[in-house]
Amino acid sequence: PMGSRGRYVRIKYIMQLKTSTPMFAFFC
């Protein structure tokens, strides 16, 4: 959904972090 002040949120890249439990980072 559109962010504050009417700005578009754009997710550019995803990766699984090197941790002992499943963690995913979404860069935006």
mmCIF file of all heavy atoms, coordinates in Angstrom:
data_MODEL
# 
_entry.id   MODEL 
# 
loop_
_atom_site.group_PDB 
_atom_site.id 
_atom_site.type_symbol 
_atom_site.label_atom_id 
_atom_site.label_alt_id 
_atom_site.label_comp_id 
_atom_site.label_asym_id 
_atom_site.label_entity_id 
_atom_site.label_seq_id 
_atom_site.pdbx_PDB_ins_code 
_atom_site.Cartn_x 
_atom_site.Cartn_y 
_atom_site.Cartn_z 
_atom_site.occupancy 
_atom_site.B_iso_or_equiv 
_atom_site.pdbx_formal_charge 
_atom_site.auth_seq_id 
_atom_site.auth_comp_id 
_atom_site.auth_asym_id 
_atom_site.auth_atom_id 
_atom_site.pdbx_PDB_model_num 
ATOM 1   N N   . PRO A 1 1  ? 0.831  -1.214  0.000  1.00 0.00 ? 1  PRO A N   1 
ATOM 2   C CA  . PRO A 1 1  ? 0.000  0.000   0.000  1.00 0.00 ? 1  PRO A CA  1 
ATOM 3   C C   . PRO A 1 1  ? 0.863  1.260   0.000  1.00 0.00 ? 1  PRO A C   1 
ATOM 4   O O   . PRO A 1 1  ? 2.008  1.248   0.461  1.00 0.00 ? 1  PRO A O   1 
ATOM 5   C CB  . PRO A 1 1  ? -0.798 -0.125  1.305  1.00 0.00 ? 1  PRO A CB  1 
ATOM 6   C CG  . PRO A 1 1  ? -0.787 -1.588  1.627  1.00 0.00 ? 1  PRO A CG  1 
ATOM 7   C CD  . PRO A 1 1  ? 0.522  -2.109  1.129  1.00 0.00 ? 1  PRO A CD  1 
ATOM 8   N N   . MET A 1 2  ? 0.308  2.320   -0.526 1.00 0.00 ? 2  MET A N   1 
ATOM 9   C CA  . MET A 1 2  ? 1.036  3.582   -0.619 1.00 0.00 ? 2  MET A CA  1 
ATOM 10  C C   . MET A 1 2  ? 1.466  4.041   0.770  1.00 0.00 ? 2  MET A C   1 
ATOM 11  O O   . MET A 1 2  ? 0.734  3.912   1.752  1.00 0.00 ? 2  MET A O   1 
ATOM 12  C CB  . MET A 1 2  ? 0.162  4.632   -1.291 1.00 0.00 ? 2  MET A CB  1 
ATOM 13  C CG  . MET A 1 2  ? 0.895  5.888   -1.705 1.00 0.00 ? 2  MET A CG  1 
ATOM 14  S SD  . MET A 1 2  ? -0.148 6.962   -2.749 1.00 0.00 ? 2  MET A SD  1 
ATOM 15  C CE  . MET A 1 2  ? -0.274 5.969   -4.243 1.00 0.00 ? 2  MET A CE  1 
ATOM 16  N N   . GLY A 1 3  ? 2.672  4.580   0.841  1.00 0.00 ? 3  GLY A N   1 
ATOM 17  C CA  . GLY A 1 3  ? 3.205  5.022   2.114  1.00 0.00 ? 3  GLY A CA  1 
ATOM 18  C C   . GLY A 1 3  ? 2.742  6.410   2.502  1.00 0.00 ? 3  GLY A C   1 
ATOM 19  O O   . GLY A 1 3  ? 1.791  6.970   1.914  1.00 0.00 ? 3  GLY A O   1 
ATOM 20  N N   . SER A 1 4  ? 3.400  6.966   3.505  1.00 0.00 ? 4  SER A N   1 
ATOM 21  C CA  . SER A 1 4  ? 3.039  8.301   3.968  1.00 0.00 ? 4  SER A CA  1 
ATOM 22  C C   . SER A 1 4  ? 3.300  9.347   2.889  1.00 0.00 ? 4  SER A C   1 
ATOM 23  O O   . SER A 1 4  ? 4.172  9.175   2.023  1.00 0.00 ? 4  SER A O   1 
ATOM 24  C CB  . SER A 1 4  ? 3.827  8.635   5.241  1.00 0.00 ? 4  SER A CB  1 
ATOM 25  O OG  . SER A 1 4  ? 5.223  8.589   4.987  1.00 0.00 ? 4  SER A OG  1 
ATOM 26  N N   . ARG A 1 5  ? 2.533  10.414  2.957  1.00 0.00 ? 5  ARG A N   1 
ATOM 27  C CA  . ARG A 1 5  ? 2.654  11.532  2.009  1.00 0.00 ? 5  ARG A CA  1 
ATOM 28  C C   . ARG A 1 5  ? 2.431  11.104  0.558  1.00 0.00 ? 5  ARG A C   1 
ATOM 29  O O   . ARG A 1 5  ? 2.941  11.715  -0.397 1.00 0.00 ? 5  ARG A O   1 
ATOM 30  C CB  . ARG A 1 5  ? 4.017  12.208  2.135  1.00 0.00 ? 5  ARG A CB  1 
ATOM 31  C CG  . ARG A 1 5  ? 4.321  12.731  3.523  1.00 0.00 ? 5  ARG A CG  1 
ATOM 32  C CD  . ARG A 1 5  ? 5.706  13.339  3.580  1.00 0.00 ? 5  ARG A CD  1 
ATOM 33  N NE  . ARG A 1 5  ? 6.036  13.744  4.951  1.00 0.00 ? 5  ARG A NE  1 
ATOM 34  C CZ  . ARG A 1 5  ? 7.223  14.240  5.305  1.00 0.00 ? 5  ARG A CZ  1 
ATOM 35  N NH1 . ARG A 1 5  ? 8.180  14.391  4.384  1.00 0.00 ? 5  ARG A NH1 1 
ATOM 36  N NH2 . ARG A 1 5  ? 7.458  14.566  6.558  1.00 0.00 ? 5  ARG A NH2 1 
ATOM 37  N N   . GLY A 1 6  ? 1.685  10.007  0.385  1.00 0.00 ? 6  GLY A N   1 
ATOM 38  C CA  . GLY A 1 6  ? 1.351  9.579   -0.955 1.00 0.00 ? 6  GLY A CA  1 
ATOM 39  C C   . GLY A 1 6  ? 2.496  8.997   -1.758 1.00 0.00 ? 6  GLY A C   1 
ATOM 40  O O   . GLY A 1 6  ? 2.422  8.920   -2.990 1.00 0.00 ? 6  GLY A O   1 
ATOM 41  N N   . ARG A 1 7  ? 3.553  8.552   -1.086 1.00 0.00 ? 7  ARG A N   1 
ATOM 42  C CA  . ARG A 1 7  ? 4.716  8.008   -1.781 1.00 0.00 ? 7  ARG A CA  1 
ATOM 43  C C   . ARG A 1 7  ? 4.554  6.508   -2.016 1.00 0.00 ? 7  ARG A C   1 
ATOM 44  O O   . ARG A 1 7  ? 3.995  5.782   -1.188 1.00 0.00 ? 7  ARG A O   1 
ATOM 45  C CB  . ARG A 1 7  ? 5.992  8.271   -0.982 1.00 0.00 ? 7  ARG A CB  1 
ATOM 46  C CG  . ARG A 1 7  ? 6.337  9.744   -0.865 1.00 0.00 ? 7  ARG A CG  1 
ATOM 47  C CD  . ARG A 1 7  ? 7.607  9.952   -0.044 1.00 0.00 ? 7  ARG A CD  1 
ATOM 48  N NE  . ARG A 1 7  ? 7.449  9.528   1.326  1.00 0.00 ? 7  ARG A NE  1 
ATOM 49  C CZ  . ARG A 1 7  ? 8.426  9.584   2.241  1.00 0.00 ? 7  ARG A CZ  1 
ATOM 50  N NH1 . ARG A 1 7  ? 9.628  10.042  1.903  1.00 0.00 ? 7  ARG A NH1 1 
ATOM 51  N NH2 . ARG A 1 7  ? 8.179  9.168   3.475  1.00 0.00 ? 7  ARG A NH2 1 
ATOM 52  N N   . TYR A 1 8  ? 5.085  6.036   -3.149 1.00 0.00 ? 8  TYR A N   1 
ATOM 53  C CA  . TYR A 1 8  ? 5.052  4.613   -3.471 1.00 0.00 ? 8  TYR A CA  1 
ATOM 54  C C   . TYR A 1 8  ? 6.182  3.868   -2.744 1.00 0.00 ? 8  TYR A C   1 
ATOM 55  O O   . TYR A 1 8  ? 7.311  4.344   -2.678 1.00 0.00 ? 8  TYR A O   1 
ATOM 56  C CB  . TYR A 1 8  ? 5.174  4.392   -4.979 1.00 0.00 ? 8  TYR A CB  1 
ATOM 57  C CG  . TYR A 1 8  ? 3.949  4.819   -5.764 1.00 0.00 ? 8  TYR A CG  1 
ATOM 58  C CD1 . TYR A 1 8  ? 3.918  6.044   -6.419 1.00 0.00 ? 8  TYR A CD1 1 
ATOM 59  C CD2 . TYR A 1 8  ? 2.830  3.999   -5.839 1.00 0.00 ? 8  TYR A CD2 1 
ATOM 60  C CE1 . TYR A 1 8  ? 2.808  6.450   -7.131 1.00 0.00 ? 8  TYR A CE1 1 
ATOM 61  C CE2 . TYR A 1 8  ? 1.709  4.394   -6.553 1.00 0.00 ? 8  TYR A CE2 1 
ATOM 62  C CZ  . TYR A 1 8  ? 1.703  5.608   -7.186 1.00 0.00 ? 8  TYR A CZ  1 
ATOM 63  O OH  . TYR A 1 8  ? 0.575  6.005   -7.887 1.00 0.00 ? 8  TYR A OH  1 
ATOM 64  N N   . VAL A 1 9  ? 5.826  2.694   -2.206 1.00 0.00 ? 9  VAL A N   1 
ATOM 65  C CA  . VAL A 1 9  ? 6.819  1.835   -1.560 1.00 0.00 ? 9  VAL A CA  1 
ATOM 66  C C   . VAL A 1 9  ? 7.326  0.837   -2.597 1.00 0.00 ? 9  VAL A C   1 
ATOM 67  O O   . VAL A 1 9  ? 6.554  0.087   -3.186 1.00 0.00 ? 9  VAL A O   1 
ATOM 68  C CB  . VAL A 1 9  ? 6.216  1.091   -0.356 1.00 0.00 ? 9  VAL A CB  1 
ATOM 69  C CG1 . VAL A 1 9  ? 7.267  0.196   0.282  1.00 0.00 ? 9  VAL A CG1 1 
ATOM 70  C CG2 . VAL A 1 9  ? 5.652  2.070   0.664  1.00 0.00 ? 9  VAL A CG2 1 
ATOM 71  N N   . ARG A 1 10 ? 8.640  0.826   -2.814 1.00 0.00 ? 10 ARG A N   1 
ATOM 72  C CA  . ARG A 1 10 ? 9.232  -0.056  -3.818 1.00 0.00 ? 10 ARG A CA  1 
ATOM 73  C C   . ARG A 1 10 ? 10.224 -1.004  -3.152 1.00 0.00 ? 10 ARG A C   1 
ATOM 74  O O   . ARG A 1 10 ? 11.217 -0.569  -2.557 1.00 0.00 ? 10 ARG A O   1 
ATOM 75  C CB  . ARG A 1 10 ? 9.919  0.764   -4.912 1.00 0.00 ? 10 ARG A CB  1 
ATOM 76  C CG  . ARG A 1 10 ? 8.962  1.599   -5.759 1.00 0.00 ? 10 ARG A CG  1 
ATOM 77  C CD  . ARG A 1 10 ? 9.686  2.303   -6.890 1.00 0.00 ? 10 ARG A CD  1 
ATOM 78  N NE  . ARG A 1 10 ? 8.768  3.002   -7.781 1.00 0.00 ? 10 ARG A NE  1 
ATOM 79  C CZ  . ARG A 1 10 ? 8.297  4.217   -7.576 1.00 0.00 ? 10 ARG A CZ  1 
ATOM 80  N NH1 . ARG A 1 10 ? 8.718  4.904   -6.501 1.00 0.00 ? 10 ARG A NH1 1 
ATOM 81  N NH2 . ARG A 1 10 ? 7.453  4.759   -8.424 1.00 0.00 ? 10 ARG A NH2 1 
ATOM 82  N N   . ILE A 1 11 ? 9.933  -2.306  -3.254 1.00 0.00 ? 11 ILE A N   1 
ATOM 83  C CA  . ILE A 1 11 ? 10.845 -3.350  -2.761 1.00 0.00 ? 11 ILE A CA  1 
ATOM 84  C C   . ILE A 1 11 ? 11.745 -3.764  -3.913 1.00 0.00 ? 11 ILE A C   1 
ATOM 85  O O   . ILE A 1 11 ? 11.277 -4.166  -4.974 1.00 0.00 ? 11 ILE A O   1 
ATOM 86  C CB  . ILE A 1 11 ? 10.054 -4.546  -2.206 1.00 0.00 ? 11 ILE A CB  1 
ATOM 87  C CG1 . ILE A 1 11 ? 9.227  -4.108  -0.987 1.00 0.00 ? 11 ILE A CG1 1 
ATOM 88  C CG2 . ILE A 1 11 ? 11.010 -5.692  -1.831 1.00 0.00 ? 11 ILE A CG2 1 
ATOM 89  C CD1 . ILE A 1 11 ? 8.316  -5.185  -0.441 1.00 0.00 ? 11 ILE A CD1 1 
ATOM 90  N N   . LYS A 1 12 ? 13.052 -3.672  -3.706 1.00 0.00 ? 12 LYS A N   1 
ATOM 91  C CA  . LYS A 1 12 ? 13.996 -3.821  -4.804 1.00 0.00 ? 12 LYS A CA  1 
ATOM 92  C C   . LYS A 1 12 ? 14.782 -5.137  -4.771 1.00 0.00 ? 12 LYS A C   1 
ATOM 93  O O   . LYS A 1 12 ? 15.268 -5.585  -5.809 1.00 0.00 ? 12 LYS A O   1 
ATOM 94  C CB  . LYS A 1 12 ? 14.983 -2.648  -4.775 1.00 0.00 ? 12 LYS A CB  1 
ATOM 95  C CG  . LYS A 1 12 ? 14.300 -1.283  -4.819 1.00 0.00 ? 12 LYS A CG  1 
ATOM 96  C CD  . LYS A 1 12 ? 15.279 -0.146  -4.609 1.00 0.00 ? 12 LYS A CD  1 
ATOM 97  C CE  . LYS A 1 12 ? 14.567 1.204   -4.584 1.00 0.00 ? 12 LYS A CE  1 
ATOM 98  N NZ  . LYS A 1 12 ? 15.523 2.323   -4.360 1.00 0.00 ? 12 LYS A NZ  1 
ATOM 99  N N   . TYR A 1 13 ? 14.888 -5.750  -3.550 1.00 0.00 ? 13 TYR A N   1 
ATOM 100 C CA  . TYR A 1 13 ? 15.827 -6.851  -3.414 1.00 0.00 ? 13 TYR A CA  1 
ATOM 101 C C   . TYR A 1 13 ? 15.465 -7.656  -2.170 1.00 0.00 ? 13 TYR A C   1 
ATOM 102 O O   . TYR A 1 13 ? 15.046 -7.079  -1.166 1.00 0.00 ? 13 TYR A O   1 
ATOM 103 C CB  . TYR A 1 13 ? 17.247 -6.287  -3.313 1.00 0.00 ? 13 TYR A CB  1 
ATOM 104 C CG  . TYR A 1 13 ? 18.363 -7.294  -3.240 1.00 0.00 ? 13 TYR A CG  1 
ATOM 105 C CD1 . TYR A 1 13 ? 18.760 -8.007  -4.358 1.00 0.00 ? 13 TYR A CD1 1 
ATOM 106 C CD2 . TYR A 1 13 ? 19.047 -7.527  -2.043 1.00 0.00 ? 13 TYR A CD2 1 
ATOM 107 C CE1 . TYR A 1 13 ? 19.802 -8.919  -4.291 1.00 0.00 ? 13 TYR A CE1 1 
ATOM 108 C CE2 . TYR A 1 13 ? 20.090 -8.428  -1.963 1.00 0.00 ? 13 TYR A CE2 1 
ATOM 109 C CZ  . TYR A 1 13 ? 20.463 -9.123  -3.091 1.00 0.00 ? 13 TYR A CZ  1 
ATOM 110 O OH  . TYR A 1 13 ? 21.494 -10.020 -3.023 1.00 0.00 ? 13 TYR A OH  1 
ATOM 111 N N   . ILE A 1 14 ? 15.624 -8.988  -2.247 1.00 0.00 ? 14 ILE A N   1 
ATOM 112 C CA  . ILE A 1 14 ? 15.299 -9.857  -1.109 1.00 0.00 ? 14 ILE A CA  1 
ATOM 113 C C   . ILE A 1 14 ? 16.436 -10.844 -0.887 1.00 0.00 ? 14 ILE A C   1 
ATOM 114 O O   . ILE A 1 14 ? 17.013 -11.360 -1.858 1.00 0.00 ? 14 ILE A O   1 
ATOM 115 C CB  . ILE A 1 14 ? 13.995 -10.653 -1.348 1.00 0.00 ? 14 ILE A CB  1 
ATOM 116 C CG1 . ILE A 1 14 ? 12.868 -9.718  -1.773 1.00 0.00 ? 14 ILE A CG1 1 
ATOM 117 C CG2 . ILE A 1 14 ? 13.612 -11.425 -0.091 1.00 0.00 ? 14 ILE A CG2 1 
ATOM 118 C CD1 . ILE A 1 14 ? 12.351 -9.935  -3.136 1.00 0.00 ? 14 ILE A CD1 1 
ATOM 119 N N   . MET A 1 15 ? 16.736 -11.131 0.361  1.00 0.00 ? 15 MET A N   1 
ATOM 120 C CA  . MET A 1 15 ? 17.723 -12.163 0.662  1.00 0.00 ? 15 MET A CA  1 
ATOM 121 C C   . MET A 1 15 ? 17.411 -12.804 2.017  1.00 0.00 ? 15 MET A C   1 
ATOM 122 O O   . MET A 1 15 ? 16.801 -12.184 2.883  1.00 0.00 ? 15 MET A O   1 
ATOM 123 C CB  . MET A 1 15 ? 19.139 -11.576 0.692  1.00 0.00 ? 15 MET A CB  1 
ATOM 124 C CG  . MET A 1 15 ? 19.399 -10.582 1.806  1.00 0.00 ? 15 MET A CG  1 
ATOM 125 S SD  . MET A 1 15 ? 21.133 -9.997  1.847  1.00 0.00 ? 15 MET A SD  1 
ATOM 126 C CE  . MET A 1 15 ? 21.990 -11.520 2.219  1.00 0.00 ? 15 MET A CE  1 
ATOM 127 N N   . GLN A 1 16 ? 17.803 -14.054 2.165  1.00 0.00 ? 16 GLN A N   1 
ATOM 128 C CA  . GLN A 1 16 ? 17.710 -14.725 3.452  1.00 0.00 ? 16 GLN A CA  1 
ATOM 129 C C   . GLN A 1 16 ? 18.980 -14.435 4.237  1.00 0.00 ? 16 GLN A C   1 
ATOM 130 O O   . GLN A 1 16 ? 20.089 -14.613 3.727  1.00 0.00 ? 16 GLN A O   1 
ATOM 131 C CB  . GLN A 1 16 ? 17.523 -16.239 3.287  1.00 0.00 ? 16 GLN A CB  1 
ATOM 132 C CG  . GLN A 1 16 ? 17.325 -16.967 4.619  1.00 0.00 ? 16 GLN A CG  1 
ATOM 133 C CD  . GLN A 1 16 ? 17.072 -18.455 4.459  1.00 0.00 ? 16 GLN A CD  1 
ATOM 134 O OE1 . GLN A 1 16 ? 16.955 -18.951 3.341  1.00 0.00 ? 16 GLN A OE1 1 
ATOM 135 N NE2 . GLN A 1 16 ? 16.993 -19.180 5.561  1.00 0.00 ? 16 GLN A NE2 1 
ATOM 136 N N   . LEU A 1 17 ? 18.833 -13.993 5.465  1.00 0.00 ? 17 LEU A N   1 
ATOM 137 C CA  . LEU A 1 17 ? 19.978 -13.658 6.293  1.00 0.00 ? 17 LEU A CA  1 
ATOM 138 C C   . LEU A 1 17 ? 20.693 -14.908 6.792  1.00 0.00 ? 17 LEU A C   1 
ATOM 139 O O   . LEU A 1 17 ? 20.072 -15.969 6.957  1.00 0.00 ? 17 LEU A O   1 
ATOM 140 C CB  . LEU A 1 17 ? 19.535 -12.791 7.472  1.00 0.00 ? 17 LEU A CB  1 
ATOM 141 C CG  . LEU A 1 17 ? 18.817 -11.480 7.117  1.00 0.00 ? 17 LEU A CG  1 
ATOM 142 C CD1 . LEU A 1 17 ? 18.366 -10.749 8.375  1.00 0.00 ? 17 LEU A CD1 1 
ATOM 143 C CD2 . LEU A 1 17 ? 19.707 -10.593 6.268  1.00 0.00 ? 17 LEU A CD2 1 
ATOM 144 N N   . LYS A 1 18 ? 21.973 -14.776 7.045  1.00 0.00 ? 18 LYS A N   1 
ATOM 145 C CA  . LYS A 1 18 ? 22.770 -15.898 7.521  1.00 0.00 ? 18 LYS A CA  1 
ATOM 146 C C   . LYS A 1 18 ? 22.623 -16.038 9.030  1.00 0.00 ? 18 LYS A C   1 
ATOM 147 O O   . LYS A 1 18 ? 23.504 -15.699 9.806  1.00 0.00 ? 18 LYS A O   1 
ATOM 148 C CB  . LYS A 1 18 ? 24.236 -15.715 7.128  1.00 0.00 ? 18 LYS A CB  1 
ATOM 149 C CG  . LYS A 1 18 ? 24.465 -15.746 5.616  1.00 0.00 ? 18 LYS A CG  1 
ATOM 150 C CD  . LYS A 1 18 ? 25.935 -15.571 5.271  1.00 0.00 ? 18 LYS A CD  1 
ATOM 151 C CE  . LYS A 1 18 ? 26.145 -15.628 3.759  1.00 0.00 ? 18 LYS A CE  1 
ATOM 152 N NZ  . LYS A 1 18 ? 27.578 -15.448 3.398  1.00 0.00 ? 18 LYS A NZ  1 
ATOM 153 N N   . THR A 1 19 ? 21.473 -16.529 9.444  1.00 0.00 ? 19 THR A N   1 
ATOM 154 C CA  . THR A 1 19 ? 21.151 -16.696 10.852 1.00 0.00 ? 19 THR A CA  1 
ATOM 155 C C   . THR A 1 19 ? 20.723 -18.130 11.109 1.00 0.00 ? 19 THR A C   1 
ATOM 156 O O   . THR A 1 19 ? 20.454 -18.894 10.181 1.00 0.00 ? 19 THR A O   1 
ATOM 157 C CB  . THR A 1 19 ? 20.020 -15.736 11.268 1.00 0.00 ? 19 THR A CB  1 
ATOM 158 O OG1 . THR A 1 19 ? 18.904 -15.902 10.377 1.00 0.00 ? 19 THR A OG1 1 
ATOM 159 C CG2 . THR A 1 19 ? 20.503 -14.289 11.201 1.00 0.00 ? 19 THR A CG2 1 
ATOM 160 N N   . SER A 1 20 ? 20.653 -18.481 12.395 1.00 0.00 ? 20 SER A N   1 
ATOM 161 C CA  . SER A 1 20 ? 20.286 -19.845 12.763 1.00 0.00 ? 20 SER A CA  1 
ATOM 162 C C   . SER A 1 20 ? 18.804 -20.127 12.570 1.00 0.00 ? 20 SER A C   1 
ATOM 163 O O   . SER A 1 20 ? 18.380 -21.281 12.566 1.00 0.00 ? 20 SER A O   1 
ATOM 164 C CB  . SER A 1 20 ? 20.671 -20.128 14.220 1.00 0.00 ? 20 SER A CB  1 
ATOM 165 O OG  . SER A 1 20 ? 20.044 -19.200 15.096 1.00 0.00 ? 20 SER A OG  1 
ATOM 166 N N   . THR A 1 21 ? 17.994 -19.093 12.446 1.00 0.00 ? 21 THR A N   1 
ATOM 167 C CA  . THR A 1 21 ? 16.566 -19.230 12.194 1.00 0.00 ? 21 THR A CA  1 
ATOM 168 C C   . THR A 1 21 ? 16.214 -18.507 10.901 1.00 0.00 ? 21 THR A C   1 
ATOM 169 O O   . THR A 1 21 ? 16.933 -17.586 10.494 1.00 0.00 ? 21 THR A O   1 
ATOM 170 C CB  . THR A 1 21 ? 15.741 -18.649 13.353 1.00 0.00 ? 21 THR A CB  1 
ATOM 171 O OG1 . THR A 1 21 ? 16.040 -17.250 13.502 1.00 0.00 ? 21 THR A OG1 1 
ATOM 172 C CG2 . THR A 1 21 ? 16.097 -19.359 14.658 1.00 0.00 ? 21 THR A CG2 1 
ATOM 173 N N   . PRO A 1 22 ? 15.125 -18.899 10.217 1.00 0.00 ? 22 PRO A N   1 
ATOM 174 C CA  . PRO A 1 22 ? 14.771 -18.280 8.940  1.00 0.00 ? 22 PRO A CA  1 
ATOM 175 C C   . PRO A 1 22 ? 14.407 -16.796 9.086  1.00 0.00 ? 22 PRO A C   1 
ATOM 176 O O   . PRO A 1 22 ? 13.380 -16.452 9.656  1.00 0.00 ? 22 PRO A O   1 
ATOM 177 C CB  . PRO A 1 22 ? 13.574 -19.101 8.459  1.00 0.00 ? 22 PRO A CB  1 
ATOM 178 C CG  . PRO A 1 22 ? 13.656 -20.386 9.190  1.00 0.00 ? 22 PRO A CG  1 
ATOM 179 C CD  . PRO A 1 22 ? 14.242 -20.049 10.530 1.00 0.00 ? 22 PRO A CD  1 
ATOM 180 N N   . MET A 1 23 ? 15.257 -15.937 8.580  1.00 0.00 ? 23 MET A N   1 
ATOM 181 C CA  . MET A 1 23 ? 15.021 -14.497 8.567  1.00 0.00 ? 23 MET A CA  1 
ATOM 182 C C   . MET A 1 23 ? 15.241 -13.985 7.149  1.00 0.00 ? 23 MET A C   1 
ATOM 183 O O   . MET A 1 23 ? 16.221 -14.341 6.500  1.00 0.00 ? 23 MET A O   1 
ATOM 184 C CB  . MET A 1 23 ? 15.961 -13.771 9.536  1.00 0.00 ? 23 MET A CB  1 
ATOM 185 C CG  . MET A 1 23 ? 15.796 -14.156 10.995 1.00 0.00 ? 23 MET A CG  1 
ATOM 186 S SD  . MET A 1 23 ? 16.924 -13.215 12.052 1.00 0.00 ? 23 MET A SD  1 
ATOM 187 C CE  . MET A 1 23 ? 16.553 -13.930 13.671 1.00 0.00 ? 23 MET A CE  1 
ATOM 188 N N   . PHE A 1 24 ? 14.329 -13.138 6.686  1.00 0.00 ? 24 PHE A N   1 
ATOM 189 C CA  . PHE A 1 24 ? 14.390 -12.621 5.331  1.00 0.00 ? 24 PHE A CA  1 
ATOM 190 C C   . PHE A 1 24 ? 14.395 -11.086 5.375  1.00 0.00 ? 24 PHE A C   1 
ATOM 191 O O   . PHE A 1 24 ? 13.583 -10.468 6.068  1.00 0.00 ? 24 PHE A O   1 
ATOM 192 C CB  . PHE A 1 24 ? 13.207 -13.119 4.505  1.00 0.00 ? 24 PHE A CB  1 
ATOM 193 C CG  . PHE A 1 24 ? 13.179 -14.612 4.355  1.00 0.00 ? 24 PHE A CG  1 
ATOM 194 C CD1 . PHE A 1 24 ? 12.510 -15.407 5.276  1.00 0.00 ? 24 PHE A CD1 1 
ATOM 195 C CD2 . PHE A 1 24 ? 13.832 -15.233 3.305  1.00 0.00 ? 24 PHE A CD2 1 
ATOM 196 C CE1 . PHE A 1 24 ? 12.488 -16.791 5.152  1.00 0.00 ? 24 PHE A CE1 1 
ATOM 197 C CE2 . PHE A 1 24 ? 13.818 -16.616 3.178  1.00 0.00 ? 24 PHE A CE2 1 
ATOM 198 C CZ  . PHE A 1 24 ? 13.143 -17.393 4.100  1.00 0.00 ? 24 PHE A CZ  1 
ATOM 199 N N   . ALA A 1 25 ? 15.323 -10.506 4.644  1.00 0.00 ? 25 ALA A N   1 
ATOM 200 C CA  . ALA A 1 25 ? 15.432 -9.051  4.564  1.00 0.00 ? 25 ALA A CA  1 
ATOM 201 C C   . ALA A 1 25 ? 14.906 -8.578  3.218  1.00 0.00 ? 25 ALA A C   1 
ATOM 202 O O   . ALA A 1 25 ? 15.338 -9.067  2.166  1.00 0.00 ? 25 ALA A O   1 
ATOM 203 C CB  . ALA A 1 25 ? 16.876 -8.602  4.768  1.00 0.00 ? 25 ALA A CB  1 
ATOM 204 N N   . PHE A 1 26 ? 13.978 -7.626  3.242  1.00 0.00 ? 26 PHE A N   1 
ATOM 205 C CA  . PHE A 1 26 ? 13.435 -7.002  2.050  1.00 0.00 ? 26 PHE A CA  1 
ATOM 206 C C   . PHE A 1 26 ? 13.953 -5.567  2.000  1.00 0.00 ? 26 PHE A C   1 
ATOM 207 O O   . PHE A 1 26 ? 13.646 -4.757  2.882  1.00 0.00 ? 26 PHE A O   1 
ATOM 208 C CB  . PHE A 1 26 ? 11.900 -7.014  2.084  1.00 0.00 ? 26 PHE A CB  1 
ATOM 209 C CG  . PHE A 1 26 ? 11.289 -8.367  1.862  1.00 0.00 ? 26 PHE A CG  1 
ATOM 210 C CD1 . PHE A 1 26 ? 11.367 -9.349  2.838  1.00 0.00 ? 26 PHE A CD1 1 
ATOM 211 C CD2 . PHE A 1 26 ? 10.633 -8.669  0.685  1.00 0.00 ? 26 PHE A CD2 1 
ATOM 212 C CE1 . PHE A 1 26 ? 10.795 -10.597 2.655  1.00 0.00 ? 26 PHE A CE1 1 
ATOM 213 C CE2 . PHE A 1 26 ? 10.057 -9.924  0.482  1.00 0.00 ? 26 PHE A CE2 1 
ATOM 214 C CZ  . PHE A 1 26 ? 10.149 -10.886 1.467  1.00 0.00 ? 26 PHE A CZ  1 
ATOM 215 N N   . PHE A 1 27 ? 14.741 -5.256  0.997  1.00 0.00 ? 27 PHE A N   1 
ATOM 216 C CA  . PHE A 1 27 ? 15.340 -3.935  0.876  1.00 0.00 ? 27 PHE A CA  1 
ATOM 217 C C   . PHE A 1 27 ? 14.422 -3.037  0.042  1.00 0.00 ? 27 PHE A C   1 
ATOM 218 O O   . PHE A 1 27 ? 14.033 -3.395  -1.078 1.00 0.00 ? 27 PHE A O   1 
ATOM 219 C CB  . PHE A 1 27 ? 16.725 -4.035  0.255  1.00 0.00 ? 27 PHE A CB  1 
ATOM 220 C CG  . PHE A 1 27 ? 17.702 -4.784  1.111  1.00 0.00 ? 27 PHE A CG  1 
ATOM 221 C CD1 . PHE A 1 27 ? 17.846 -6.154  0.987  1.00 0.00 ? 27 PHE A CD1 1 
ATOM 222 C CD2 . PHE A 1 27 ? 18.462 -4.117  2.065  1.00 0.00 ? 27 PHE A CD2 1 
ATOM 223 C CE1 . PHE A 1 27 ? 18.739 -6.857  1.783  1.00 0.00 ? 27 PHE A CE1 1 
ATOM 224 C CE2 . PHE A 1 27 ? 19.359 -4.812  2.868  1.00 0.00 ? 27 PHE A CE2 1 
ATOM 225 C CZ  . PHE A 1 27 ? 19.494 -6.178  2.730  1.00 0.00 ? 27 PHE A CZ  1 
ATOM 226 N N   . CYS A 1 28 ? 14.097 -1.866  0.600  1.00 0.00 ? 28 CYS A N   1 
ATOM 227 C CA  . CYS A 1 28 ? 13.131 -0.998  -0.058 1.00 0.00 ? 28 CYS A CA  1 
ATOM 228 C C   . CYS A 1 28 ? 13.416 0.454   0.269  1.00 0.00 ? 28 CYS A C   1 
ATOM 229 O O   . CYS A 1 28 ? 14.315 0.771   1.065  1.00 0.00 ? 28 CYS A O   1 
ATOM 230 C CB  . CYS A 1 28 ? 11.706 -1.360  0.366  1.00 0.00 ? 28 CYS A CB  1 
ATOM 231 S SG  . CYS A 1 28 ? 11.431 -1.290  2.157  1.00 0.00 ? 28 CYS A SG  1 
# 
